[in-house]
Amino acid sequence: MSKDKNSKWTPKEKLKLINAASQLSDEELGTFLRREGLHEATLREWQDAATSGLSTANELTRGRKSPEAKRILSLERDLRRKEKAMAEMAAIITLQKKVREIWGGADDDTKEGSGA
């Protein structure tokens, strides 16, 4: 894969070299760089560019959501709202049952036939 100074490395070749270099010890890295005709600074620039490119791509995909993803988010939001409403209703029903147990099921505070 060694190239002379005037030839250009393809992105695929650069990535391959970055990957290979990342698995080497410091001593092995020096030999590797000499064999490939690379300077360590050049390799670091490639690594930085690759990392930057991945970060940018990740930010772009995070910012844009497919229609399906938007629909899922909307449905999940709706589901959480309905689950909250159901939990509130369950609490109200439980409270009503306890009130009936305590007060004996009377709906108002007047007795029937008392004339009041």
N, C-alpha and C. Protein backbone atom coordinates (compact mmCIF):
# COMPACT_ATOMS: atom_id res chain seq x y z
N MET A 1 0.81 -1.19 0.00
CA MET A 1 0.00 0.00 0.00
C MET A 1 0.86 1.26 0.00
N SER A 2 2.14 1.11 0.09
CA SER A 2 3.05 2.24 0.12
C SER A 2 2.94 3.05 -1.17
N LYS A 3 2.94 4.38 -1.01
CA LYS A 3 2.82 5.26 -2.18
C LYS A 3 3.93 6.30 -2.12
N ASP A 4 4.27 6.84 -3.29
CA ASP A 4 5.27 7.90 -3.29
C ASP A 4 4.63 9.23 -2.92
N LYS A 5 5.44 10.26 -2.70
CA LYS A 5 4.96 11.56 -2.20
C LYS A 5 3.91 12.19 -3.10
N ASN A 6 3.99 11.98 -4.40
CA ASN A 6 3.09 12.65 -5.33
C ASN A 6 1.76 11.94 -5.51
N SER A 7 1.66 10.69 -5.05
CA SER A 7 0.38 9.98 -5.23
C SER A 7 -0.56 10.29 -4.08
N LYS A 8 -1.83 10.15 -4.37
CA LYS A 8 -2.85 10.52 -3.39
C LYS A 8 -3.48 9.26 -2.80
N TRP A 9 -3.67 9.27 -1.50
CA TRP A 9 -4.31 8.16 -0.82
C TRP A 9 -5.83 8.30 -0.95
N THR A 10 -6.50 7.20 -1.21
CA THR A 10 -7.97 7.23 -1.25
C THR A 10 -8.50 7.21 0.18
N PRO A 11 -9.72 7.67 0.39
CA PRO A 11 -10.29 7.62 1.74
C PRO A 11 -10.31 6.20 2.32
N LYS A 12 -10.59 5.23 1.47
CA LYS A 12 -10.62 3.84 1.92
C LYS A 12 -9.24 3.39 2.38
N GLU A 13 -8.21 3.77 1.63
CA GLU A 13 -6.84 3.42 2.02
C GLU A 13 -6.44 4.10 3.33
N LYS A 14 -6.83 5.37 3.46
CA LYS A 14 -6.52 6.11 4.69
C LYS A 14 -7.16 5.43 5.89
N LEU A 15 -8.41 5.05 5.75
CA LEU A 15 -9.12 4.39 6.84
C LEU A 15 -8.46 3.07 7.20
N LYS A 16 -8.05 2.34 6.18
CA LYS A 16 -7.37 1.07 6.39
C LYS A 16 -6.07 1.27 7.16
N LEU A 17 -5.32 2.31 6.79
CA LEU A 17 -4.06 2.61 7.47
C LEU A 17 -4.30 3.08 8.91
N ILE A 18 -5.31 3.90 9.12
CA ILE A 18 -5.64 4.35 10.47
C ILE A 18 -5.97 3.16 11.35
N ASN A 19 -6.77 2.27 10.83
CA ASN A 19 -7.17 1.07 11.58
C ASN A 19 -5.97 0.21 11.90
N ALA A 20 -5.11 -0.02 10.91
CA ALA A 20 -3.92 -0.84 11.13
C ALA A 20 -3.00 -0.20 12.16
N ALA A 21 -2.81 1.11 12.06
CA ALA A 21 -1.90 1.81 12.96
C ALA A 21 -2.43 1.81 14.40
N SER A 22 -3.74 1.83 14.55
CA SER A 22 -4.31 1.89 15.90
C SER A 22 -4.06 0.62 16.69
N GLN A 23 -3.70 -0.45 16.02
CA GLN A 23 -3.50 -1.73 16.69
C GLN A 23 -2.02 -2.02 16.98
N LEU A 24 -1.16 -1.05 16.71
CA LEU A 24 0.28 -1.26 16.86
C LEU A 24 0.82 -0.58 18.11
N SER A 25 1.93 -1.15 18.63
CA SER A 25 2.63 -0.50 19.73
C SER A 25 3.45 0.66 19.15
N ASP A 26 4.04 1.47 20.03
CA ASP A 26 4.83 2.61 19.56
C ASP A 26 5.99 2.19 18.68
N GLU A 27 6.69 1.11 19.08
CA GLU A 27 7.82 0.63 18.28
C GLU A 27 7.36 0.14 16.91
N GLU A 28 6.27 -0.61 16.91
CA GLU A 28 5.74 -1.13 15.65
C GLU A 28 5.22 0.00 14.76
N LEU A 29 4.67 1.04 15.38
CA LEU A 29 4.12 2.16 14.63
C LEU A 29 5.21 2.85 13.81
N GLY A 30 6.37 3.06 14.41
CA GLY A 30 7.48 3.69 13.68
C GLY A 30 7.86 2.91 12.44
N THR A 31 7.99 1.60 12.59
CA THR A 31 8.33 0.73 11.46
C THR A 31 7.23 0.78 10.40
N PHE A 32 5.99 0.74 10.85
CA PHE A 32 4.83 0.78 9.95
C PHE A 32 4.83 2.08 9.14
N LEU A 33 5.03 3.21 9.82
CA LEU A 33 5.02 4.50 9.13
C LEU A 33 6.13 4.60 8.10
N ARG A 34 7.32 4.12 8.44
CA ARG A 34 8.43 4.14 7.48
C ARG A 34 8.12 3.25 6.28
N ARG A 35 7.58 2.08 6.55
CA ARG A 35 7.26 1.15 5.46
C ARG A 35 6.21 1.74 4.51
N GLU A 36 5.23 2.46 5.07
CA GLU A 36 4.16 3.03 4.26
C GLU A 36 4.53 4.39 3.68
N GLY A 37 5.64 4.97 4.14
CA GLY A 37 6.06 6.27 3.64
C GLY A 37 5.20 7.41 4.18
N LEU A 38 4.78 7.26 5.43
CA LEU A 38 3.91 8.25 6.07
C LEU A 38 4.62 8.94 7.23
N HIS A 39 4.21 10.15 7.49
CA HIS A 39 4.65 10.84 8.70
C HIS A 39 3.57 10.65 9.75
N GLU A 40 3.99 10.62 11.00
CA GLU A 40 3.02 10.44 12.08
C GLU A 40 2.01 11.58 12.10
N ALA A 41 2.45 12.79 11.80
CA ALA A 41 1.55 13.95 11.79
C ALA A 41 0.45 13.77 10.74
N THR A 42 0.81 13.20 9.59
CA THR A 42 -0.18 12.95 8.54
C THR A 42 -1.22 11.96 9.01
N LEU A 43 -0.75 10.90 9.67
CA LEU A 43 -1.66 9.88 10.20
C LEU A 43 -2.60 10.49 11.23
N ARG A 44 -2.09 11.36 12.09
CA ARG A 44 -2.92 12.02 13.11
C ARG A 44 -3.97 12.93 12.45
N GLU A 45 -3.56 13.62 11.38
CA GLU A 45 -4.53 14.47 10.65
C GLU A 45 -5.66 13.62 10.09
N TRP A 46 -5.30 12.46 9.53
CA TRP A 46 -6.32 11.56 8.98
C TRP A 46 -7.25 11.07 10.09
N GLN A 47 -6.67 10.73 11.25
CA GLN A 47 -7.49 10.26 12.37
C GLN A 47 -8.45 11.36 12.82
N ASP A 48 -7.94 12.57 12.94
CA ASP A 48 -8.79 13.70 13.35
C ASP A 48 -9.91 13.94 12.34
N ALA A 49 -9.57 13.87 11.05
CA ALA A 49 -10.57 14.09 10.01
C ALA A 49 -11.65 12.99 10.06
N ALA A 50 -11.21 11.75 10.27
CA ALA A 50 -12.17 10.65 10.34
C ALA A 50 -13.09 10.81 11.55
N THR A 51 -12.52 11.17 12.68
CA THR A 51 -13.32 11.37 13.89
C THR A 51 -14.29 12.52 13.70
N SER A 52 -13.80 13.60 13.13
CA SER A 52 -14.65 14.76 12.88
C SER A 52 -15.79 14.41 11.92
N GLY A 53 -15.46 13.67 10.88
CA GLY A 53 -16.48 13.26 9.92
C GLY A 53 -17.54 12.39 10.54
N LEU A 54 -17.14 11.47 11.40
CA LEU A 54 -18.10 10.61 12.08
C LEU A 54 -18.98 11.42 13.02
N SER A 55 -18.40 12.38 13.72
CA SER A 55 -19.17 13.22 14.63
C SER A 55 -20.20 14.04 13.87
N THR A 56 -19.78 14.61 12.75
CA THR A 56 -20.68 15.42 11.93
C THR A 56 -21.82 14.57 11.38
N ALA A 57 -21.48 13.38 10.89
CA ALA A 57 -22.51 12.49 10.36
C ALA A 57 -23.50 12.10 11.44
N ASN A 58 -22.99 11.85 12.63
CA ASN A 58 -23.86 11.48 13.75
C ASN A 58 -24.78 12.63 14.12
N GLU A 59 -24.27 13.86 14.12
CA GLU A 59 -25.09 15.02 14.43
C GLU A 59 -26.18 15.22 13.37
N LEU A 60 -25.84 14.99 12.12
CA LEU A 60 -26.82 15.17 11.05
C LEU A 60 -27.95 14.16 11.16
N THR A 61 -27.60 12.90 11.42
CA THR A 61 -28.63 11.88 11.53
C THR A 61 -29.45 12.06 12.79
N ARG A 62 -28.85 12.60 13.84
CA ARG A 62 -29.58 12.83 15.07
C ARG A 62 -30.58 13.97 14.88
N GLY A 63 -30.25 14.96 14.07
CA GLY A 63 -31.12 16.11 13.86
C GLY A 63 -32.29 15.81 12.95
N ARG A 64 -32.13 14.90 12.04
CA ARG A 64 -33.19 14.56 11.08
C ARG A 64 -33.83 13.25 11.47
N LYS A 65 -35.13 13.27 11.54
CA LYS A 65 -35.85 12.05 11.87
C LYS A 65 -36.73 11.66 10.69
N SER A 66 -36.76 10.39 10.43
CA SER A 66 -37.61 9.89 9.35
C SER A 66 -39.07 10.04 9.77
N PRO A 67 -39.97 10.02 8.79
CA PRO A 67 -41.40 10.11 9.14
C PRO A 67 -41.83 9.00 10.10
N GLU A 68 -41.24 7.82 9.93
CA GLU A 68 -41.58 6.71 10.82
C GLU A 68 -41.13 7.01 12.25
N ALA A 69 -39.91 7.58 12.39
CA ALA A 69 -39.39 7.91 13.71
C ALA A 69 -40.24 8.99 14.36
N LYS A 70 -40.67 9.97 13.58
CA LYS A 70 -41.54 11.03 14.12
C LYS A 70 -42.87 10.44 14.58
N ARG A 71 -43.41 9.53 13.79
CA ARG A 71 -44.68 8.88 14.14
C ARG A 71 -44.53 8.07 15.43
N ILE A 72 -43.43 7.36 15.56
CA ILE A 72 -43.17 6.56 16.76
C ILE A 72 -43.08 7.47 17.98
N LEU A 73 -42.35 8.58 17.84
CA LEU A 73 -42.23 9.52 18.96
C LEU A 73 -43.59 10.07 19.36
N SER A 74 -44.41 10.40 18.36
CA SER A 74 -45.74 10.92 18.62
C SER A 74 -46.60 9.88 19.34
N LEU A 75 -46.54 8.64 18.88
CA LEU A 75 -47.32 7.57 19.50
C LEU A 75 -46.84 7.29 20.93
N GLU A 76 -45.54 7.33 21.13
CA GLU A 76 -45.00 7.10 22.48
C GLU A 76 -45.44 8.22 23.43
N ARG A 77 -45.44 9.45 22.95
CA ARG A 77 -45.89 10.59 23.75
C ARG A 77 -47.37 10.42 24.11
N ASP A 78 -48.18 10.03 23.13
CA ASP A 78 -49.61 9.81 23.35
C ASP A 78 -49.84 8.67 24.34
N LEU A 79 -49.06 7.61 24.21
CA LEU A 79 -49.18 6.47 25.11
C LEU A 79 -48.86 6.88 26.56
N ARG A 80 -47.79 7.66 26.74
CA ARG A 80 -47.44 8.12 28.09
C ARG A 80 -48.57 8.97 28.68
N ARG A 81 -49.16 9.84 27.86
CA ARG A 81 -50.26 10.69 28.32
C ARG A 81 -51.45 9.83 28.76
N LYS A 82 -51.78 8.83 27.97
CA LYS A 82 -52.93 7.97 28.29
C LYS A 82 -52.64 7.09 29.50
N GLU A 83 -51.41 6.62 29.63
CA GLU A 83 -51.06 5.82 30.81
C GLU A 83 -51.18 6.66 32.08
N LYS A 84 -50.78 7.92 32.00
CA LYS A 84 -50.89 8.82 33.14
C LYS A 84 -52.36 9.03 33.50
N ALA A 85 -53.20 9.24 32.49
CA ALA A 85 -54.63 9.45 32.72
C ALA A 85 -55.25 8.19 33.34
N MET A 86 -54.85 7.01 32.86
CA MET A 86 -55.37 5.76 33.42
C MET A 86 -54.95 5.59 34.88
N ALA A 87 -53.71 5.93 35.19
CA ALA A 87 -53.24 5.82 36.57
C ALA A 87 -54.03 6.76 37.47
N GLU A 88 -54.34 7.97 37.00
CA GLU A 88 -55.14 8.91 37.78
C GLU A 88 -56.55 8.36 37.99
N MET A 89 -57.14 7.79 36.95
CA MET A 89 -58.49 7.22 37.08
C MET A 89 -58.49 6.04 38.04
N ALA A 90 -57.47 5.21 38.00
CA ALA A 90 -57.38 4.08 38.93
C ALA A 90 -57.29 4.59 40.36
N ALA A 91 -56.54 5.65 40.58
CA ALA A 91 -56.42 6.22 41.91
C ALA A 91 -57.77 6.77 42.38
N ILE A 92 -58.51 7.42 41.49
CA ILE A 92 -59.83 7.97 41.84
C ILE A 92 -60.80 6.84 42.18
N ILE A 93 -60.80 5.78 41.40
CA ILE A 93 -61.70 4.64 41.66
C ILE A 93 -61.37 4.00 43.00
N THR A 94 -60.10 3.83 43.28
CA THR A 94 -59.68 3.26 44.57
C THR A 94 -60.13 4.15 45.71
N LEU A 95 -59.97 5.44 45.55
CA LEU A 95 -60.39 6.38 46.57
C LEU A 95 -61.91 6.33 46.78
N GLN A 96 -62.67 6.23 45.69
CA GLN A 96 -64.12 6.14 45.80
C GLN A 96 -64.53 4.87 46.55
N LYS A 97 -63.88 3.77 46.29
CA LYS A 97 -64.19 2.51 46.99
C LYS A 97 -63.92 2.65 48.48
N LYS A 98 -62.82 3.29 48.83
CA LYS A 98 -62.49 3.48 50.25
C LYS A 98 -63.51 4.38 50.92
N VAL A 99 -63.96 5.42 50.23
CA VAL A 99 -64.97 6.32 50.79
C VAL A 99 -66.26 5.55 51.04
N ARG A 100 -66.67 4.71 50.09
CA ARG A 100 -67.89 3.91 50.26
C ARG A 100 -67.76 2.96 51.44
N GLU A 101 -66.55 2.37 51.61
CA GLU A 101 -66.34 1.46 52.74
C GLU A 101 -66.48 2.21 54.06
N ILE A 102 -65.92 3.41 54.13
CA ILE A 102 -65.95 4.19 55.36
C ILE A 102 -67.34 4.72 55.64
N TRP A 103 -68.00 5.29 54.66
CA TRP A 103 -69.28 5.96 54.85
C TRP A 103 -70.48 5.07 54.55
N GLY A 104 -70.25 3.88 54.15
CA GLY A 104 -71.36 2.94 53.95
C GLY A 104 -72.15 3.14 52.68
N GLY A 105 -71.64 3.77 51.71
CA GLY A 105 -72.28 3.87 50.41
C GLY A 105 -73.28 5.00 50.28
N ALA A 106 -73.47 5.84 51.27
CA ALA A 106 -74.39 6.97 51.15
C ALA A 106 -73.79 8.02 50.24
N ASP A 107 -74.62 8.49 49.30
CA ASP A 107 -74.12 9.48 48.32
C ASP A 107 -74.23 10.90 48.85
N ASP A 108 -75.18 11.14 49.77
CA ASP A 108 -75.29 12.48 50.31
C ASP A 108 -75.41 12.38 51.84
N ASP A 109 -75.50 13.51 52.50
CA ASP A 109 -75.50 13.51 53.96
C ASP A 109 -76.90 13.66 54.57
N THR A 110 -77.95 13.45 53.80
CA THR A 110 -79.32 13.48 54.33
C THR A 110 -79.90 12.09 54.29
N LYS A 111 -80.74 11.77 55.24
CA LYS A 111 -81.41 10.48 55.26
C LYS A 111 -82.70 10.57 54.44
N GLU A 112 -83.05 9.46 53.81
CA GLU A 112 -84.29 9.44 53.05
C GLU A 112 -85.47 9.44 53.99
N GLY A 113 -86.45 10.19 53.63
CA GLY A 113 -87.67 10.22 54.43
C GLY A 113 -87.56 11.07 55.66
N SER A 114 -86.50 11.80 55.84
CA SER A 114 -86.36 12.63 57.05
C SER A 114 -87.10 13.95 56.90
N GLY A 115 -87.49 14.24 55.68
CA GLY A 115 -88.21 15.48 55.44
C GLY A 115 -87.31 16.66 55.25
N ALA A 116 -86.06 16.47 55.24
CA ALA A 116 -85.14 17.60 55.13
C ALA A 116 -84.87 17.98 53.72
